[in-house]
Structure formats: structure tokens, C-alpha cells
Protein backbone atom coordinates (compact mmCIF):
# COMPACT_ATOMS: atom_id res chain seq x y z
CA UNK A 1 0.02 0.02 -0.02
CA UNK A 2 1.39 3.43 -1.00
CA UNK A 3 1.32 6.05 1.78
CA UNK A 4 1.83 9.74 1.48
CA UNK A 5 4.50 11.19 3.78
CA UNK A 6 2.01 12.54 6.31
CA UNK A 7 0.23 9.21 6.69
CA UNK A 8 1.26 6.88 9.59
CA UNK A 9 1.16 3.18 9.81
CA UNK A 10 0.15 1.49 12.92
CA UNK A 11 2.45 -1.33 13.81
CA UNK A 12 1.72 -3.77 16.58
CA UNK A 13 3.35 -6.98 17.86
CA UNK A 14 1.42 -9.76 19.53
CA UNK A 15 1.97 -13.17 20.99
CA UNK A 16 0.30 -15.68 18.58
CA UNK A 17 -0.31 -19.48 18.29
CA UNK A 18 1.06 -21.62 15.50
CA UNK A 19 -2.20 -21.54 13.39
CA UNK A 20 -1.92 -17.74 13.18
CA UNK A 21 1.17 -18.18 10.89
CA UNK A 22 -0.10 -21.39 9.23
CA UNK A 23 -3.06 -19.34 8.10
CA UNK A 24 -0.93 -16.86 6.15
CA UNK A 25 0.04 -18.70 2.93
CA UNK A 26 1.24 -15.60 1.08
CA UNK A 27 3.42 -14.57 3.89
CA UNK A 28 4.74 -18.11 4.21
CA UNK A 29 5.44 -18.36 0.45
CA UNK A 30 7.52 -15.15 0.54
CA UNK A 31 9.36 -16.40 3.72
CA UNK A 32 10.22 -19.81 2.04
CA UNK A 33 11.32 -18.02 -1.17
CA UNK A 34 13.72 -15.72 0.66
CA UNK A 35 14.93 -17.77 3.66
CA UNK A 36 14.93 -21.40 2.84
CA UNK A 37 18.12 -23.49 2.18
CA UNK A 38 17.41 -25.08 -1.30
CA UNK A 39 19.96 -27.80 -0.76
CA UNK A 40 17.82 -29.19 2.21
CA UNK A 41 14.64 -29.57 0.04
CA UNK A 42 11.27 -27.96 0.27
CA UNK A 43 10.39 -26.85 3.76
CA UNK A 44 7.66 -28.93 5.47
CA UNK A 45 6.68 -26.96 8.74
CA UNK A 46 5.89 -29.38 11.57
CA UNK A 47 2.74 -27.40 12.80
CA UNK A 48 1.94 -29.98 15.43
CA UNK A 49 5.39 -29.90 16.76
CA UNK A 50 5.37 -26.14 17.06
CA UNK A 51 1.94 -26.42 18.86
CA UNK A 52 3.36 -29.06 21.42
CA UNK A 53 6.54 -26.92 21.86
CA UNK A 54 4.43 -23.80 22.60
CA UNK A 55 2.17 -25.71 24.98
CA UNK A 56 5.28 -26.76 26.84
CA UNK A 57 6.71 -23.40 27.11
CA UNK A 58 9.64 -24.06 24.96
CA UNK A 59 8.74 -21.80 22.01
CA UNK A 60 6.84 -18.57 21.65
CA UNK A 61 5.53 -17.14 18.40
CA UNK A 62 4.98 -13.59 17.67
CA UNK A 63 3.10 -11.78 14.81
CA UNK A 64 3.89 -8.28 13.68
CA UNK A 65 0.91 -6.43 12.14
CA UNK A 66 0.77 -3.25 10.02
CA UNK A 67 -2.62 -1.57 9.98
CA UNK A 68 -4.19 -4.89 11.34
CA UNK A 69 -2.73 -7.25 8.78
CA UNK A 70 -0.02 -9.75 9.59
CA UNK A 71 3.24 -8.79 7.80
CA UNK A 72 5.72 -10.97 9.60
CA UNK A 73 6.34 -13.44 12.31
CA UNK A 74 8.96 -14.94 14.70
CA UNK A 75 9.33 -18.12 16.72
CA UNK A 76 11.64 -18.07 19.67
CA UNK A 77 13.08 -21.02 21.35
CA UNK A 78 14.00 -20.67 25.10
CA UNK A 79 16.17 -23.18 26.87
CA UNK A 80 19.13 -23.68 29.12
CA UNK A 81 22.44 -23.66 27.35
CA UNK A 82 24.04 -26.86 28.99
CA UNK A 83 27.61 -25.62 28.24
CA UNK A 84 27.06 -22.33 30.10
CA UNK A 85 24.37 -23.19 32.54
CA UNK A 86 22.05 -20.29 31.80
CA UNK A 87 18.90 -19.78 29.86
CA UNK A 88 19.12 -18.27 26.36
CA UNK A 89 16.64 -17.38 23.56
CA UNK A 90 17.34 -18.57 19.99
CA UNK A 91 15.34 -17.00 17.25
CA UNK A 92 14.31 -19.97 15.16
CA UNK A 93 12.53 -17.89 12.54
CA UNK A 94 12.14 -14.12 12.02
CA UNK A 95 10.59 -12.69 8.87
CA UNK A 96 8.90 -9.38 7.65
CA UNK A 97 7.48 -9.16 4.13
CA UNK A 98 9.67 -7.03 1.91
CA UNK A 99 6.84 -4.41 1.28
CA UNK A 100 6.74 -3.66 4.96
CA UNK A 101 10.51 -3.56 5.96
CA UNK A 102 10.45 0.27 6.00
CA UNK A 103 7.62 0.40 8.49
CA UNK A 104 9.42 -0.27 11.59
CA UNK A 105 7.80 -3.72 11.81
CA UNK A 106 11.06 -5.56 11.95
CA UNK A 107 12.43 -3.42 14.78
CA UNK A 108 9.44 -3.71 16.75
CA UNK A 109 9.39 -7.38 16.34
CA UNK A 110 13.04 -7.66 17.57
CA UNK A 111 12.29 -5.43 20.53
CA UNK A 112 9.38 -7.71 21.50
CA UNK A 113 11.63 -10.65 21.08
CA UNK A 114 14.21 -9.18 23.45
CA UNK A 115 11.64 -8.12 25.98
CA UNK A 116 10.30 -11.71 25.93
CA UNK A 117 13.81 -13.01 26.41
CA UNK A 118 14.34 -10.77 29.41
CA UNK A 119 11.02 -11.72 30.95
CA UNK A 120 12.05 -15.39 30.74
CA UNK A 121 15.36 -14.51 32.52
CA UNK A 122 17.48 -15.14 29.40
CA UNK A 123 21.12 -13.91 29.45
CA UNK A 124 21.38 -13.79 25.75
CA UNK A 125 19.37 -13.95 22.56
CA UNK A 126 20.72 -15.45 19.49
CA UNK A 127 19.71 -14.46 15.95
CA UNK A 128 20.64 -16.23 12.68
CA UNK A 129 20.39 -14.97 9.10
CA UNK A 130 20.88 -16.24 5.68
CA UNK A 131 24.53 -15.90 4.67
CA UNK A 132 25.07 -12.67 2.58
CA UNK A 133 21.35 -11.50 3.08
CA UNK A 134 20.11 -8.14 4.31
CA UNK A 135 19.38 -9.50 7.71
CA UNK A 136 23.01 -10.69 8.14
CA UNK A 137 24.10 -6.99 7.28
CA UNK A 138 21.68 -5.53 9.82
CA UNK A 139 22.81 -7.86 12.56
CA UNK A 140 26.41 -7.22 11.94
CA UNK A 141 25.81 -3.54 12.58
CA UNK A 142 24.07 -3.91 15.86
CA UNK A 143 24.97 -7.32 17.56
CA UNK A 144 28.13 -9.12 18.34
CA UNK A 145 28.94 -12.03 16.10
CA UNK A 146 28.90 -15.30 18.01
CA UNK A 147 29.53 -17.98 15.38
CA UNK A 148 29.02 -18.92 11.84
CA UNK A 149 26.96 -21.84 10.91
CA UNK A 150 27.60 -24.40 8.14
CA UNK A 151 25.68 -27.35 6.94
CA UNK A 152 26.17 -30.47 4.90
CA UNK A 153 23.09 -32.23 3.38
CA UNK A 154 23.20 -35.87 4.39
CA UNK A 155 20.47 -37.38 2.33
């Protein structure tokens, strides 16, 4: 939607359940096209597993909305890091549709994730990003680099 400079967008973030994301096929298609690892095959979200993890308090999903419509989402895993003995949050998924990235939706979503992590007494939050992508560039400007992740398809 094209807005004139004087028009404001209303950005909100809310805790959501798995079906709220599952019910957004266009948003999921854009996410898959931009963030998937083609060598691993077509993504097959395990919706029931997300539901069970959320019911157990291991994952929290958030939706970000612009003027009432969902434009992005995140799923955040919270667990003890056995090597360090403290609780940390790992952002399993974070996505905002291209058309809404200048709205502040991504920044608002990340602030909400970090507030959630603090509320859960996490000592750190970990973000990942596709290698060479825009998100990687944004994270490099604002966050400490902890590691690089590599993969090898095995089947």
C-alpha cells in the first residue's frame, strides 16, 4: 500500500499461536522463497510440533501487524544452554514481508523478542540470518557475532 509522507502506519506485535502463522499462505510463501536453504529440499513446517513446543513453554511465536494485517512473524526457542548453565533465547524464525520492511515492523518485532527473552530471564538472545542476506548485514551493525553456521546435506 502506497502512503503519503504525512500518513502513519500502525505497527503492533502480539504473541500468537502456530495456526496464526499457518493461516498466512502468501506470507509463508515469501518467507520460504527468501529464507529457505534449497539444498535441504522443500520446507515442511511441523505445525503439530510447534504447537506441542508452545504448549510446553519451549517456544513462543509472535506476529507483527501493520494496520491490522500480519506482515511478519517470529518463533523464539527458550532453553538452558548446557555448556554455560544459563537460559538463552534462540530466534528460530524471523521474517517481515519485503513491502513492510521500512515500516519499523522488523525493529518492533525484535524489541518484542528481546523483551520476551528478558522476561524469561534469558542472559542472551541469538539471531541467525541467511549468509550474505540483508538480515546478516543488519545484525552485523548492531549485534556481536557469536559464530558462523555451516551445513552439509546428508540425504
